[in-house]
Amino acid sequence: MDQISVVQQAVHVYNSEFEKFIKFISEVFANSPFLISAEDVGAAESRKSDEYKEIIIPPGKTHEVVLTVESVNSYIAWDFTLIQGTLNLDIGFHVEYVSPSGEITLILPYRRYESDQGNFCTILAGSYKLIWDNSYSTFFKKSLRYKVDSVPPVVETLQPIAESG
């Protein structure tokens, strides 16, 4: 009998935590800078130039975007692509965390991409560098179109779990 009550309690806790997670993830998606409703598509298309930036990265150079995150559990998101017409359609990309003392921690390892879209949840407040790297190229510039954002965590009020008897 004792094992059944432990399993029932575990199922109750699992269900409760799962419901909290679904509510949290729903709010994260609702506030995501990359997910928009069908109704907003027309409005988004008209301001597309405001959301995305375009930059030319010369051969042998890098481009960095630094985001300052105020609290843990924030999301950092990116979406980028190389613009057609650029020769050698790939560019290096990686993400670093820079501590207040200047120590660098690699968050996303260096890899070469044609385009990429991603995000991660921060575990430390501070500065995060998103770095596009064209330093391996001797002759070819890269035309990059990108968008980055930092989304603060969803604050939820904790409610006590009701005892079931």
Protein backbone atom coordinates (compact mmCIF):
# COMPACT_ATOMS: atom_id res chain seq x y z
CA MET A 1 0.00 0.00 0.00
CA ASP A 2 2.79 2.40 0.86
CA GLN A 3 4.33 2.08 -2.62
CA ILE A 4 1.01 2.94 -4.28
CA SER A 5 0.69 6.16 -2.26
CA VAL A 6 4.28 7.13 -3.18
CA VAL A 7 3.52 6.55 -6.87
CA GLN A 8 0.26 8.51 -6.60
CA GLN A 9 2.09 11.40 -4.94
CA ALA A 10 4.81 11.29 -7.61
CA VAL A 11 2.18 11.37 -10.37
CA HIS A 12 0.48 14.35 -8.68
CA VAL A 13 3.79 16.25 -8.41
CA TYR A 14 4.71 15.37 -12.00
CA ASN A 15 1.34 16.57 -13.31
CA SER A 16 1.55 19.77 -11.29
CA GLU A 17 5.09 20.54 -12.47
CA PHE A 18 4.20 19.63 -16.06
CA GLU A 19 1.25 22.05 -16.01
CA LYS A 20 3.54 24.81 -14.68
CA PHE A 21 6.07 24.05 -17.43
CA ILE A 22 3.41 24.14 -20.17
CA LYS A 23 2.11 27.47 -18.85
CA PHE A 24 5.67 28.87 -18.70
CA ILE A 25 6.62 27.65 -22.20
CA SER A 26 3.36 29.04 -23.59
CA GLU A 27 4.24 32.47 -22.19
CA VAL A 28 7.78 32.21 -23.56
CA PHE A 29 6.45 31.40 -27.03
CA ALA A 30 3.84 34.15 -26.77
CA ASN A 31 6.62 36.66 -26.00
CA SER A 32 9.17 35.22 -28.44
CA PRO A 33 10.60 37.74 -30.88
CA PHE A 34 10.60 35.15 -33.69
CA LEU A 35 7.10 33.70 -33.42
CA ILE A 36 4.24 35.84 -34.67
CA SER A 37 0.61 35.16 -35.39
CA ALA A 38 -0.81 35.00 -38.89
CA GLU A 39 -2.69 38.26 -38.24
CA ASP A 40 0.58 40.06 -37.48
CA VAL A 41 2.36 38.87 -40.63
CA GLY A 42 1.16 41.83 -42.71
CA ALA A 43 2.31 44.31 -40.06
CA ALA A 44 5.60 42.44 -39.62
CA GLU A 45 6.33 42.53 -43.36
CA SER A 46 5.95 46.31 -43.40
CA ARG A 47 8.53 46.78 -40.64
CA LYS A 48 10.85 43.94 -41.67
CA SER A 49 13.70 46.37 -42.32
CA ASP A 50 13.46 47.54 -38.68
CA GLU A 51 13.73 44.02 -37.26
CA TYR A 52 16.63 42.71 -39.33
CA LYS A 53 19.97 44.39 -39.81
CA GLU A 54 22.23 43.99 -42.79
CA ILE A 55 25.98 44.36 -42.63
CA ILE A 56 28.94 43.59 -44.84
CA ILE A 57 31.77 41.76 -43.08
CA PRO A 58 35.05 42.33 -44.93
CA PRO A 59 37.49 39.47 -45.53
CA GLY A 60 39.64 38.78 -42.48
CA LYS A 61 37.20 40.54 -40.09
CA THR A 62 34.49 39.68 -37.57
CA HIS A 63 31.23 41.29 -36.47
CA GLU A 64 30.12 41.15 -32.83
CA VAL A 65 26.81 41.90 -31.15
CA VAL A 66 26.92 42.20 -27.37
CA LEU A 67 23.73 41.61 -25.39
CA THR A 68 23.53 42.48 -21.71
CA VAL A 69 21.28 40.16 -19.74
CA GLU A 70 19.93 41.43 -16.43
CA SER A 71 18.68 38.15 -14.98
CA VAL A 72 19.15 34.40 -15.30
CA ASN A 73 16.63 32.35 -17.28
CA SER A 74 16.50 34.99 -20.01
CA TYR A 75 16.49 33.73 -23.59
CA ILE A 76 18.95 34.90 -26.22
CA ALA A 77 17.76 34.26 -29.75
CA TRP A 78 19.21 34.80 -33.21
CA ASP A 79 18.26 34.38 -36.83
CA PHE A 80 20.72 35.05 -39.64
CA THR A 81 21.42 34.27 -43.25
CA LEU A 82 24.00 35.26 -45.81
CA ILE A 83 22.50 37.32 -48.62
CA GLN A 84 22.58 35.69 -52.05
CA GLY A 85 25.22 37.02 -54.37
CA THR A 86 27.93 36.53 -51.76
CA LEU A 87 30.55 34.05 -52.91
CA ASN A 88 31.46 31.20 -50.55
CA LEU A 89 28.11 31.17 -48.80
CA ASP A 90 29.16 30.34 -45.26
CA ILE A 91 30.34 32.27 -42.24
CA GLY A 92 31.74 31.30 -38.86
CA PHE A 93 29.48 31.86 -35.86
CA HIS A 94 29.82 31.32 -32.14
CA VAL A 95 28.47 32.68 -28.84
CA GLU A 96 30.48 33.60 -25.74
CA TYR A 97 29.67 34.68 -22.20
CA VAL A 98 31.93 37.41 -20.81
CA SER A 99 32.07 37.55 -17.02
CA PRO A 100 32.42 40.88 -15.16
CA SER A 101 36.12 40.01 -14.64
CA GLY A 102 36.55 39.53 -18.41
CA GLU A 103 36.75 35.73 -18.40
CA ILE A 104 35.29 34.22 -21.57
CA THR A 105 33.15 31.06 -21.58
CA LEU A 106 32.14 29.45 -24.86
CA ILE A 107 28.36 28.97 -25.01
CA LEU A 108 27.96 27.86 -28.63
CA PRO A 109 31.09 26.45 -30.32
CA TYR A 110 32.42 27.90 -33.56
CA ARG A 111 30.92 26.44 -36.70
CA ARG A 112 30.44 27.68 -40.25
CA TYR A 113 26.88 28.22 -41.44
CA GLU A 114 24.98 29.41 -44.50
CA SER A 115 22.21 30.47 -42.12
CA ASP A 116 21.10 29.59 -38.61
CA GLN A 117 18.33 30.19 -36.15
CA GLY A 118 18.62 29.35 -32.49
CA ASN A 119 18.29 30.32 -28.87
CA PHE A 120 19.36 29.33 -25.39
CA CYS A 121 18.38 30.02 -21.81
CA THR A 122 20.97 31.96 -19.80
CA ILE A 123 22.27 30.66 -16.49
CA LEU A 124 24.26 33.80 -15.66
CA ALA A 125 23.46 37.49 -15.87
CA GLY A 126 25.98 39.58 -17.77
CA SER A 127 27.30 40.09 -21.31
CA TYR A 128 26.86 37.63 -24.15
CA LYS A 129 28.72 38.08 -27.45
CA LEU A 130 27.34 36.74 -30.71
CA ILE A 131 30.25 36.67 -33.17
CA TRP A 132 30.15 36.22 -36.94
CA ASP A 133 33.62 35.38 -38.22
CA ASN A 134 34.90 35.99 -41.74
CA SER A 135 38.56 35.95 -40.64
CA TYR A 136 39.26 32.74 -42.60
CA SER A 137 38.41 34.49 -45.89
CA THR A 138 41.22 36.23 -47.72
CA PHE A 139 39.29 37.73 -50.63
CA PHE A 140 35.54 37.50 -50.10
CA LYS A 141 33.31 39.80 -48.08
CA LYS A 142 30.10 38.42 -46.60
CA SER A 143 26.74 40.20 -46.67
CA LEU A 144 24.91 39.20 -43.51
CA ARG A 145 21.25 39.73 -42.63
CA TYR A 146 20.54 39.09 -38.96
CA LYS A 147 18.28 39.64 -35.97
CA VAL A 148 19.19 39.04 -32.32
CA ASP A 149 17.18 39.56 -29.17
CA SER A 150 17.22 39.01 -25.46
CA VAL A 151 13.92 37.98 -23.87
CA PRO A 152 13.66 38.38 -20.08
CA PRO A 153 12.29 35.48 -18.07
CA VAL A 154 8.58 35.08 -17.48
CA VAL A 155 7.92 35.80 -13.81
CA GLU A 156 5.40 33.45 -12.31
CA THR A 157 3.90 33.61 -8.86
CA LEU A 158 4.43 30.45 -6.88
CA GLN A 159 1.35 28.80 -5.46
CA PRO A 160 1.50 26.20 -2.72
CA ILE A 161 0.72 22.64 -3.78
CA ALA A 162 -2.55 21.53 -2.20
CA GLU A 163 -2.26 18.42 -0.08
CA SER A 164 -4.53 15.66 -1.30
CA GLY A 165 -5.81 13.23 1.25
